[in-house]
Amino acid sequence: MTEPSTTRAGADPAPTAAAPSRRGAVVAALMLAMGLAALDGTVVSTAVPQIVGDLGGLSVFSWLFSGYLLAVTVTLPVYGKLSDTFGRKPVLIAGTVLFLIGSLLCAAAWNMGSLIAFRVVQGLGGGALQGTVQTIAADLYPLKERPKIQAKLSSVWAASSVAGPAVGGLLAGYADWRWIFLVNVPVGLVALWLIGRHLAEPARTAPRARVRVDWAGALAIFATGALLITALVQGGVAWPWFSAPSLGLLGSAAALGALTVLIERRAAEPIIPGWVWRRRTIAAVNLALGALGLLMVAPTVFLPTYAQSVLGLGPIAAGFVLSSWTLSWPISAAFSNRVYTRVGFRLTAVLGISLALLLLLAFPFLPFPGEPWQPALLMLLLGGALGLFQLPLIVGVQSTVPYGERGTTTASVLFCRQVGQSVGAALFGAIANGVLAARLGADTDLDALARSLDTTEDIRRAVDAAVDWVYLGAAAAAALALLALLTVAPRRFPVLKEATGGDD
């Protein structure tokens, strides 16, 4: 049984931007752009010793990751609205150019402060890559074919994220850490050429007398997000959670958030329109994928430490334990259309997150110390479950809005997922460090143990207990996602009628 097709009163028809004569070239460009955005989120991690040795700034090096994450996250809603207003192509081209400029500046950095600033520039472009690529992918393909492109993008994202540390380590060890950023340039230029030559957007409806851009709202969203992400990333790391800096940042973020709501309510063309939360389908997907971002932190951040400290594996072998879910996630996503065309988007996602909940709850029952294949098998199954959960929600929510609202909708979903990851990193880090402190002493934290070569029995059991509690927290996040789908989402997504896609 398929989702019903409806037409929203007053909505523009939903043309596919995918009527280019060579759609495959555009897909190749999207995959390259997605790979760049994902790779640069993790590629710096293994090159930190070389970068610090050259530039100094050990005390602030964490901002190489935090600055990039912050810029990507807070710009997603802005780029989503701009792509609906001016079209996907100019936004993606501008974002890619900004990303490449940031990459060149990073390669030319002369100290840690300049490198962090240029990483933020990179992230400002990366926000356009993430959001606009996903939107164009939905434009390119009709509903029945969208799992193909989404599965390809999922594969590229997963492979690039996992390969990032290895690529960074190889370039830093055998060439120079500056090549980490320079290699982006030829790849990005190829993506730019393919987009410029082959992406043909549909003719837009009658233009408005004057296009208004809510720059005040964009600035307010950026400032609010920057304060919130900074508080979440640095809280418990650079300063205690209940210290003046944490409370000041969180309080300022709340005040700016309230101001942002007022600005957006009065704006003629708000960056985050009220309908994003008034429509049950979009609100439910935002909540569910925010919870997905939360639960993804457990394996991506804590499983490698578990594999090394508890199982005694080396960094490469620990990476393979984590990467097992990158094999099953895109495969499950690619075949999810065979499920949701029969039972609907909502029920398919409910099945996926229910299975994920059971798998996350199973992790604390793994034997100590156990064998590497045991967590690897759980991760393989978890990837399959989350592929069945995430892709139907993204495809489904994109199919409920017309072309002129798809960029904003997609950006809101990705924004919620990114914020969920930031919250998860802060929350689960506090949980893990709390368990370790209770077992090993008040001054013990997971980061210190991860850098230590000392793997006594007490430490191994303490890390095992800490990661068990983190996985229980991830299971709670999965339960929240399930609750959002069961209580907020409509039984059937109101899918709009659409034009068929172009030829390959």
Protein backbone atom coordinates (compact mmCIF):
# COMPACT_ATOMS: atom_id res chain seq x y z
CA MET A 1 0.00 0.00 0.00
CA THR A 2 1.59 3.28 -1.11
CA GLU A 3 1.44 6.74 0.37
CA PRO A 4 -1.41 8.85 -1.01
CA SER A 5 -0.64 11.75 -3.34
CA THR A 6 -2.22 15.08 -2.49
CA THR A 7 -2.01 18.65 -3.67
CA ARG A 8 -1.69 21.43 -1.10
CA ALA A 9 -3.86 24.43 -1.82
CA GLY A 10 -1.90 27.33 -3.19
CA ALA A 11 1.33 25.35 -3.48
CA ASP A 12 3.48 25.45 -6.56
CA PRO A 13 3.73 22.24 -8.51
CA ALA A 14 6.72 20.14 -7.60
CA PRO A 15 8.88 20.02 -10.70
CA THR A 16 12.02 17.96 -10.65
CA ALA A 17 15.21 19.86 -11.23
CA ALA A 18 16.26 16.63 -12.73
CA ALA A 19 15.46 17.02 -16.21
CA PRO A 20 19.04 17.54 -17.31
CA SER A 21 20.09 15.54 -20.33
CA ARG A 22 23.02 14.07 -18.43
CA ARG A 23 21.74 13.41 -14.95
CA GLY A 24 24.60 11.04 -14.18
CA ALA A 25 27.14 13.88 -14.40
CA VAL A 26 25.18 15.88 -11.84
CA VAL A 27 25.01 12.87 -9.52
CA ALA A 28 28.80 12.49 -9.80
CA ALA A 29 29.19 16.15 -8.83
CA LEU A 30 26.86 15.72 -5.85
CA MET A 31 28.82 12.71 -4.65
CA LEU A 32 32.10 14.63 -4.92
CA ALA A 33 30.65 17.58 -3.01
CA MET A 34 29.19 15.33 -0.32
CA GLY A 35 32.50 13.50 0.00
CA LEU A 36 34.35 16.79 0.56
CA ALA A 37 31.95 17.93 3.28
CA ALA A 38 32.10 14.58 5.09
CA LEU A 39 35.84 14.07 4.73
CA ASP A 40 36.75 17.46 6.17
CA GLY A 41 34.71 16.77 9.27
CA THR A 42 37.14 14.03 10.36
CA VAL A 43 40.30 14.29 8.24
CA VAL A 44 42.16 16.58 10.67
CA SER A 45 41.89 14.24 13.68
CA THR A 46 44.98 12.08 13.04
CA ALA A 47 47.09 15.00 11.82
CA VAL A 48 46.82 16.99 15.06
CA PRO A 49 50.36 16.08 16.29
CA GLN A 50 51.94 17.35 13.06
CA ILE A 51 49.78 20.49 12.98
CA VAL A 52 50.48 21.33 16.63
CA GLY A 53 54.17 20.62 16.14
CA ASP A 54 54.26 23.11 13.27
CA LEU A 55 51.86 25.81 14.46
CA GLY A 56 51.61 25.33 18.25
CA GLY A 57 48.30 25.96 19.99
CA LEU A 58 47.76 22.58 21.68
CA SER A 59 45.33 24.09 24.20
CA VAL A 60 42.86 25.19 21.51
CA PHE A 61 43.31 22.52 18.82
CA SER A 62 39.84 21.05 19.53
CA TRP A 63 38.40 24.10 17.76
CA LEU A 64 39.72 22.67 14.49
CA PHE A 65 36.75 20.30 14.73
CA SER A 66 34.33 22.42 16.73
CA GLY A 67 34.70 25.49 14.51
CA TYR A 68 33.96 23.50 11.38
CA LEU A 69 30.97 21.74 12.99
CA LEU A 70 29.58 25.02 14.32
CA ALA A 71 29.77 26.78 10.95
CA VAL A 72 28.17 23.88 9.07
CA THR A 73 25.33 23.52 11.57
CA VAL A 74 24.28 27.12 11.95
CA THR A 75 24.32 27.87 8.21
CA LEU A 76 22.12 24.95 7.16
CA PRO A 77 18.78 26.77 7.63
CA VAL A 78 20.11 29.86 5.85
CA TYR A 79 21.27 27.93 2.79
CA GLY A 80 18.00 26.00 2.72
CA LYS A 81 15.97 29.19 2.49
CA LEU A 82 18.34 30.75 -0.05
CA SER A 83 18.11 27.68 -2.29
CA ASP A 84 14.31 27.96 -2.27
CA THR A 85 14.53 31.68 -3.03
CA PHE A 86 17.28 31.87 -5.64
CA GLY A 87 17.59 28.26 -6.82
CA ARG A 88 19.85 25.35 -5.88
CA LYS A 89 22.54 25.88 -8.50
CA PRO A 90 23.79 29.35 -7.48
CA VAL A 91 23.75 28.40 -3.79
CA LEU A 92 25.71 25.18 -4.36
CA ILE A 93 28.23 26.93 -6.60
CA ALA A 94 28.71 29.78 -4.11
CA GLY A 95 29.06 27.33 -1.21
CA THR A 96 31.60 25.19 -3.08
CA VAL A 97 33.67 28.25 -4.00
CA LEU A 98 33.62 29.40 -0.37
CA PHE A 99 34.62 25.91 0.79
CA LEU A 100 37.57 25.85 -1.63
CA ILE A 101 38.68 29.34 -0.58
CA GLY A 102 38.59 28.14 3.03
CA SER A 103 40.66 25.09 2.05
CA LEU A 104 43.33 27.24 0.39
CA LEU A 105 43.43 29.56 3.39
CA CYS A 106 43.79 26.58 5.76
CA ALA A 107 46.77 25.34 3.74
CA ALA A 108 48.36 28.78 4.09
CA ALA A 109 47.68 29.15 7.85
CA TRP A 110 50.59 30.58 9.86
CA ASN A 111 49.41 29.79 13.40
CA MET A 112 46.66 27.86 15.16
CA GLY A 113 44.39 30.90 15.46
CA SER A 114 44.44 31.52 11.71
CA LEU A 115 43.87 27.82 10.97
CA ILE A 116 40.82 27.74 13.25
CA ALA A 117 39.43 30.88 11.60
CA PHE A 118 39.91 29.41 8.14
CA ARG A 119 38.28 26.14 9.23
CA VAL A 120 35.22 28.23 10.09
CA VAL A 121 35.32 29.65 6.55
CA GLN A 122 35.45 26.09 5.26
CA GLY A 123 32.44 25.22 7.39
CA LEU A 124 30.48 28.18 6.06
CA GLY A 125 30.83 26.62 2.62
CA GLY A 126 30.32 23.10 3.95
CA GLY A 127 26.82 24.00 5.15
CA ALA A 128 25.84 24.72 1.55
CA LEU A 129 27.36 21.43 0.39
CA GLN A 130 25.45 19.34 2.92
CA GLY A 131 22.02 20.89 2.63
CA THR A 132 21.89 21.77 -1.06
CA VAL A 133 23.27 18.42 -2.22
CA GLN A 134 20.49 16.58 -0.39
CA THR A 135 17.89 18.94 -1.84
CA ILE A 136 19.12 18.59 -5.43
CA ALA A 137 19.14 14.82 -4.98
CA ALA A 138 15.42 14.97 -4.18
CA ASP A 139 14.83 17.28 -7.17
CA LEU A 140 16.69 14.97 -9.54
CA TYR A 141 14.67 11.82 -9.00
CA PRO A 142 10.95 11.03 -8.70
CA LEU A 143 9.74 9.39 -5.52
CA LYS A 144 10.19 5.79 -6.67
CA GLU A 145 13.83 6.37 -7.63
CA ARG A 146 15.00 8.54 -4.74
CA PRO A 147 16.35 5.65 -2.64
CA LYS A 148 19.00 5.08 -5.35
CA ILE A 149 20.56 8.51 -5.08
CA GLN A 150 20.09 8.73 -1.32
CA ALA A 151 21.81 5.36 -0.88
CA LYS A 152 24.72 6.58 -3.02
CA LEU A 153 25.04 9.75 -0.94
CA SER A 154 24.80 7.72 2.28
CA SER A 155 27.61 5.47 1.04
CA VAL A 156 29.80 8.43 0.16
CA TRP A 157 29.12 10.14 3.48
CA ALA A 158 29.83 7.02 5.53
CA ALA A 159 32.95 6.04 3.58
CA SER A 160 34.36 9.58 3.65
CA SER A 161 33.70 10.00 7.38
CA VAL A 162 35.39 6.71 8.23
CA ALA A 163 38.26 7.21 5.75
CA GLY A 164 38.94 10.75 6.96
CA PRO A 165 41.29 9.89 9.84
CA ALA A 166 43.26 7.42 7.68
CA VAL A 167 43.61 9.93 4.84
CA GLY A 168 44.67 12.67 7.25
CA GLY A 169 47.24 10.42 8.87
CA LEU A 170 48.73 9.32 5.54
CA LEU A 171 49.01 12.85 4.17
CA ALA A 172 50.45 14.23 7.40
CA GLY A 173 52.88 11.35 7.78
CA TYR A 174 54.14 10.98 4.21
CA ALA A 175 53.64 14.43 2.70
CA ASP A 176 52.66 17.51 4.71
CA TRP A 177 49.56 18.29 6.76
CA ARG A 178 48.76 21.21 4.42
CA TRP A 179 47.94 18.70 1.68
CA ILE A 180 44.92 17.69 3.77
CA PHE A 181 43.33 20.92 2.55
CA LEU A 182 45.01 21.28 -0.83
CA VAL A 183 43.58 17.99 -2.14
CA ASN A 184 40.11 19.51 -1.83
CA VAL A 185 40.85 21.96 -4.64
CA PRO A 186 41.02 19.66 -7.69
CA VAL A 187 38.08 17.58 -6.45
CA GLY A 188 36.00 20.68 -5.79
CA LEU A 189 36.87 22.20 -9.18
CA VAL A 190 35.68 19.05 -10.94
CA ALA A 191 32.41 19.18 -8.98
CA LEU A 192 32.00 22.86 -9.87
CA TRP A 193 32.55 22.20 -13.56
CA LEU A 194 30.04 19.34 -13.63
CA ILE A 195 27.39 21.38 -11.78
CA GLY A 196 27.91 24.45 -13.94
CA ARG A 197 27.76 22.48 -17.18
CA HIS A 198 25.12 19.84 -16.52
CA LEU A 199 22.67 20.98 -13.82
CA ALA A 200 19.63 22.60 -15.43
CA GLU A 201 17.04 23.83 -12.95
CA PRO A 202 13.36 24.01 -13.90
CA ALA A 203 11.77 27.25 -14.99
CA ARG A 204 10.62 29.10 -11.90
CA THR A 205 7.10 30.42 -11.43
CA ALA A 206 6.27 34.07 -12.04
CA PRO A 207 8.89 36.10 -10.15
CA ARG A 208 7.90 38.19 -7.20
CA ALA A 209 8.12 41.95 -7.54
CA ARG A 210 10.96 41.93 -5.06
CA VAL A 211 12.79 39.04 -3.42
CA ARG A 212 13.19 39.68 0.29
CA VAL A 213 15.90 37.91 2.20
CA ASP A 214 15.47 37.79 5.98
CA TRP A 215 19.04 38.80 6.79
CA ALA A 216 18.11 39.79 10.36
CA GLY A 217 16.69 36.32 10.93
CA ALA A 218 19.73 34.69 9.33
CA LEU A 219 22.06 36.63 11.63
CA ALA A 220 19.94 35.82 14.70
CA ILE A 221 19.89 32.10 13.83
CA PHE A 222 23.64 32.13 13.24
CA ALA A 223 24.34 33.86 16.55
CA THR A 224 21.97 31.62 18.52
CA GLY A 225 23.39 28.46 16.99
CA ALA A 226 26.97 29.62 17.51
CA LEU A 227 26.40 30.24 21.23
CA LEU A 228 24.52 26.98 21.73
CA ILE A 229 27.02 24.79 19.86
CA THR A 230 29.94 26.48 21.61
CA ALA A 231 28.34 25.80 25.01
CA LEU A 232 27.68 22.16 24.12
CA VAL A 233 31.10 21.50 22.60
CA GLN A 234 33.20 23.27 25.23
CA GLY A 235 31.09 22.57 28.32
CA GLY A 236 32.75 19.98 30.53
CA VAL A 237 35.94 20.25 28.43
CA ALA A 238 37.28 23.79 28.48
CA TRP A 239 35.31 24.66 31.61
CA PRO A 240 32.91 22.92 34.05
CA TRP A 241 29.24 22.61 33.09
CA PHE A 242 27.99 24.79 35.93
CA SER A 243 30.69 27.43 35.59
CA ALA A 244 30.08 31.04 34.58
CA PRO A 245 31.14 30.50 30.92
CA SER A 246 28.73 27.57 30.41
CA LEU A 247 25.80 29.23 32.16
CA GLY A 248 26.50 32.52 30.38
CA LEU A 249 26.60 30.92 26.94
CA LEU A 250 23.48 28.82 27.52
CA GLY A 251 21.58 31.80 28.96
CA SER A 252 22.64 34.02 26.06
CA ALA A 253 21.63 31.31 23.57
CA ALA A 254 18.18 31.08 25.20
CA ALA A 255 17.72 34.86 25.09
CA LEU A 256 18.85 35.06 21.48
CA GLY A 257 16.60 32.10 20.65
CA ALA A 258 13.59 33.99 21.98
CA LEU A 259 14.64 37.06 19.96
CA THR A 260 15.02 34.86 16.86
CA VAL A 261 11.45 33.60 17.24
CA LEU A 262 10.17 37.18 17.39
CA ILE A 263 12.17 38.19 14.32
CA GLU A 264 11.02 35.18 12.33
CA ARG A 265 7.36 35.74 13.22
CA ARG A 266 7.51 39.28 11.86
CA ALA A 267 9.60 38.56 8.76
CA ALA A 268 7.87 38.48 5.37
CA GLU A 269 10.10 35.60 4.21
CA PRO A 270 11.52 34.00 7.38
CA ILE A 271 14.59 31.77 7.20
CA ILE A 272 12.82 29.17 9.35
CA PRO A 273 9.11 29.54 8.53
CA GLY A 274 6.54 28.61 11.14
CA TRP A 275 5.11 25.89 8.92
CA VAL A 276 8.27 23.82 9.47
CA TRP A 277 6.93 23.07 12.96
CA ARG A 278 3.20 23.48 12.37
CA ARG A 279 3.03 20.64 9.85
CA ARG A 280 2.95 17.39 11.75
CA THR A 281 4.99 15.42 9.22
CA ILE A 282 7.92 17.84 9.15
CA ALA A 283 7.86 18.36 12.91
CA ALA A 284 7.88 14.61 13.56
CA VAL A 285 10.76 13.99 11.16
CA ASN A 286 12.75 16.87 12.68
CA LEU A 287 12.30 15.41 16.16
CA ALA A 288 13.07 11.85 15.03
CA LEU A 289 16.23 12.79 13.14
CA GLY A 290 17.34 15.04 15.99
CA ALA A 291 17.17 11.91 18.15
CA LEU A 292 19.09 10.01 15.43
CA GLY A 293 21.90 12.57 15.65
CA LEU A 294 21.92 12.06 19.40
CA LEU A 295 22.17 8.26 19.30
CA MET A 296 24.80 8.22 16.50
CA VAL A 297 27.31 9.75 18.90
CA ALA A 298 27.47 6.53 20.94
CA PRO A 299 29.11 4.35 18.29
CA THR A 300 31.02 7.00 16.34
CA VAL A 301 32.69 8.62 19.35
CA PHE A 302 32.86 5.90 22.00
CA LEU A 303 33.11 2.57 20.16
CA PRO A 304 36.71 3.14 18.95
CA THR A 305 37.83 3.80 22.54
CA TYR A 306 35.96 0.68 23.68
CA ALA A 307 37.60 -1.40 20.94
CA GLN A 308 41.08 -0.23 21.90
CA SER A 309 40.81 -0.05 25.69
CA VAL A 310 38.54 -3.05 26.34
CA LEU A 311 39.15 -5.36 23.38
CA GLY A 312 42.84 -4.45 23.05
CA LEU A 313 42.67 -3.66 19.33
CA GLY A 314 44.91 -1.24 17.46
CA PRO A 315 43.55 1.95 15.89
CA ILE A 316 43.10 0.40 12.44
CA ALA A 317 41.30 -2.69 13.73
CA ALA A 318 39.12 -0.51 15.95
CA GLY A 319 38.20 1.51 12.88
CA PHE A 320 37.06 -1.67 11.13
CA VAL A 321 34.76 -2.51 14.04
CA LEU A 322 33.12 0.90 13.68
CA SER A 323 33.04 0.88 9.88
CA SER A 324 30.95 -2.30 9.70
CA TRP A 325 27.79 -0.22 9.90
CA THR A 326 28.83 1.72 6.80
CA LEU A 327 28.39 -1.50 4.83
CA SER A 328 24.82 -2.25 5.85
CA TRP A 329 23.42 1.30 6.15
CA PRO A 330 23.44 2.21 2.41
CA ILE A 331 22.33 -1.29 1.37
CA SER A 332 19.37 -1.16 3.74
CA ALA A 333 18.58 2.37 2.58
CA ALA A 334 18.65 1.34 -1.09
CA PHE A 335 16.13 -1.43 -0.51
CA SER A 336 13.91 0.51 1.90
CA ASN A 337 11.63 1.58 -0.96
CA ARG A 338 10.45 -2.03 -1.25
CA VAL A 339 9.17 -1.68 2.30
CA TYR A 340 7.73 1.83 2.36
CA THR A 341 5.89 1.42 -0.94
CA ARG A 342 3.96 -1.38 0.77
CA VAL A 343 3.51 -0.21 4.34
CA GLY A 344 4.23 3.54 4.17
CA PHE A 345 7.04 5.83 5.30
CA ARG A 346 6.01 6.05 8.94
CA LEU A 347 5.69 2.33 9.61
CA THR A 348 8.96 1.59 7.80
CA ALA A 349 10.78 4.10 9.99
CA VAL A 350 9.06 2.69 13.09
CA LEU A 351 10.32 -0.80 12.20
CA GLY A 352 13.86 0.51 11.68
CA ILE A 353 14.11 2.50 14.90
CA SER A 354 12.48 -0.31 16.91
CA LEU A 355 15.17 -2.72 15.72
CA ALA A 356 17.85 -0.10 16.46
CA LEU A 357 16.45 0.30 19.99
CA LEU A 358 16.78 -3.46 20.63
CA LEU A 359 20.34 -3.54 19.26
CA LEU A 360 21.44 -0.59 21.40
CA LEU A 361 19.96 -2.26 24.47
CA ALA A 362 21.85 -5.46 23.58
CA PHE A 363 25.27 -3.78 23.73
CA PRO A 364 25.57 -3.74 27.57
CA PHE A 365 24.97 -7.51 27.52
CA LEU A 366 28.12 -8.22 25.49
CA PRO A 367 30.55 -10.36 27.49
CA PHE A 368 33.65 -8.82 29.05
CA PRO A 369 36.09 -8.50 27.42
CA GLY A 370 34.44 -10.27 24.50
CA GLU A 371 35.53 -10.77 20.90
CA PRO A 372 35.79 -8.06 18.20
CA TRP A 373 33.21 -9.76 16.00
CA GLN A 374 30.51 -9.24 18.62
CA PRO A 375 30.34 -5.41 18.57
CA ALA A 376 31.10 -5.51 14.83
CA LEU A 377 28.02 -7.69 14.27
CA LEU A 378 25.88 -5.36 16.37
CA MET A 379 27.13 -2.40 14.34
CA LEU A 380 26.41 -4.22 11.09
CA LEU A 381 22.82 -4.85 12.19
CA LEU A 382 22.50 -1.33 13.60
CA GLY A 383 23.52 0.18 10.26
CA GLY A 384 20.83 -1.86 8.53
CA ALA A 385 18.22 -0.73 11.05
CA LEU A 386 19.15 2.95 10.77
CA GLY A 387 19.17 2.81 6.97
CA LEU A 388 15.60 1.54 7.18
CA PHE A 389 14.81 4.39 9.57
CA GLN A 390 16.52 7.47 8.17
CA LEU A 391 16.05 7.26 4.41
CA PRO A 392 12.25 6.75 4.39
CA LEU A 393 11.90 9.81 6.63
CA ILE A 394 14.09 12.02 4.43
CA VAL A 395 12.49 10.82 1.19
CA GLY A 396 9.05 10.98 2.74
CA VAL A 397 9.29 14.50 4.13
CA GLN A 398 10.84 15.83 0.90
CA SER A 399 7.90 14.35 -0.98
CA THR A 400 5.33 16.22 1.10
CA VAL A 401 6.45 19.69 0.03
CA PRO A 402 6.60 21.45 -3.35
CA TYR A 403 9.83 22.41 -5.07
CA GLY A 404 9.81 25.91 -3.57
CA GLU A 405 9.77 24.57 0.00
CA ARG A 406 12.05 21.57 -0.38
CA GLY A 407 15.30 23.36 0.40
CA THR A 408 13.96 24.80 3.66
CA THR A 409 12.46 21.46 4.67
CA THR A 410 15.62 19.47 3.94
CA ALA A 411 17.79 22.01 5.76
CA SER A 412 15.55 21.90 8.85
CA VAL A 413 15.89 18.11 8.99
CA LEU A 414 19.68 18.19 8.64
CA PHE A 415 19.93 21.06 11.14
CA CYS A 416 18.05 19.06 13.76
CA ARG A 417 20.27 16.04 13.15
CA GLN A 418 23.42 18.16 13.53
CA VAL A 419 22.15 19.77 16.74
CA GLY A 420 21.30 16.30 18.02
CA GLN A 421 24.90 15.22 17.44
CA SER A 422 26.21 18.25 19.34
CA VAL A 423 23.87 17.58 22.26
CA GLY A 424 24.80 13.89 22.19
CA ALA A 425 28.53 14.59 22.31
CA ALA A 426 28.08 16.79 25.37
CA LEU A 427 25.54 14.56 27.13
CA PHE A 428 27.23 11.22 26.55
CA GLY A 429 30.65 12.67 27.31
CA ALA A 430 29.32 13.77 30.70
CA ILE A 431 27.78 10.33 31.30
CA ALA A 432 30.99 8.47 30.39
CA ASN A 433 33.21 10.74 32.47
CA GLY A 434 30.81 10.47 35.41
CA VAL A 435 30.97 6.66 35.36
CA LEU A 436 34.76 6.70 35.06
CA ALA A 437 35.13 9.21 37.87
CA ALA A 438 32.92 7.08 40.14
CA ARG A 439 34.99 3.97 39.45
CA LEU A 440 38.53 5.32 39.08
CA GLY A 441 38.67 8.69 40.79
CA ALA A 442 37.33 12.21 40.48
CA ASP A 443 40.02 13.42 38.04
CA THR A 444 39.58 10.64 35.48
CA ASP A 445 37.97 11.24 32.08
CA LEU A 446 37.62 9.26 28.87
CA ASP A 447 39.89 11.50 26.80
CA ALA A 448 42.77 11.00 29.21
CA LEU A 449 42.30 7.23 29.20
CA ALA A 450 42.07 7.12 25.41
CA ARG A 451 45.50 8.77 25.16
CA SER A 452 46.99 6.54 27.84
CA LEU A 453 48.83 3.30 27.12
CA ASP A 454 47.88 1.95 30.54
CA THR A 455 45.22 -0.78 30.18
CA THR A 456 44.92 -2.37 33.59
CA GLU A 457 41.98 -4.61 34.42
CA ASP A 458 40.32 -1.86 36.48
CA ILE A 459 40.58 0.63 33.61
CA ARG A 460 39.22 -1.86 31.08
CA ARG A 461 36.22 -2.64 33.24
CA ALA A 462 35.61 1.05 33.94
CA VAL A 463 35.66 1.91 30.22
CA ASP A 464 33.38 -1.05 29.53
CA ALA A 465 30.89 0.22 32.11
CA ALA A 466 31.09 3.80 30.82
CA VAL A 467 30.40 2.77 27.22
CA ASP A 468 27.56 0.49 28.38
CA TRP A 469 25.88 3.51 29.98
CA VAL A 470 26.45 5.57 26.84
CA TYR A 471 24.71 2.91 24.76
CA LEU A 472 21.81 2.88 27.20
CA GLY A 473 21.59 6.65 26.68
CA ALA A 474 21.57 6.05 22.92
CA ALA A 475 18.75 3.54 23.40
CA ALA A 476 16.81 6.25 25.24
CA ALA A 477 17.34 8.54 22.22
CA ALA A 478 16.00 5.79 19.94
CA ALA A 479 12.96 5.51 22.21
CA LEU A 480 12.40 9.28 21.85
CA ALA A 481 12.54 8.95 18.06
CA LEU A 482 10.04 6.11 18.20
CA LEU A 483 7.75 8.16 20.45
CA ALA A 484 7.89 11.12 18.03
CA LEU A 485 6.86 8.89 15.13
CA LEU A 486 4.03 7.23 17.05
CA THR A 487 2.56 10.38 18.61
CA VAL A 488 3.38 13.29 16.25
CA ALA A 489 3.70 11.85 12.74
CA PRO A 490 0.51 11.21 10.76
CA ARG A 491 -0.23 7.60 9.88
CA ARG A 492 0.27 8.43 6.20
CA PHE A 493 2.60 11.14 4.86
CA PRO A 494 0.65 13.58 2.59
CA VAL A 495 2.76 13.01 -0.53
CA LEU A 496 2.33 15.54 -3.35
CA LYS A 497 1.89 14.65 -6.99
CA GLU A 498 5.06 15.31 -8.95
CA ALA A 499 6.47 15.31 -12.43
CA THR A 500 8.58 12.40 -13.55
CA GLY A 501 12.33 12.69 -13.56
CA GLY A 502 14.57 13.18 -16.55
CA ASP A 503 16.52 10.57 -18.40
CA ASP A 504 19.90 9.36 -17.35
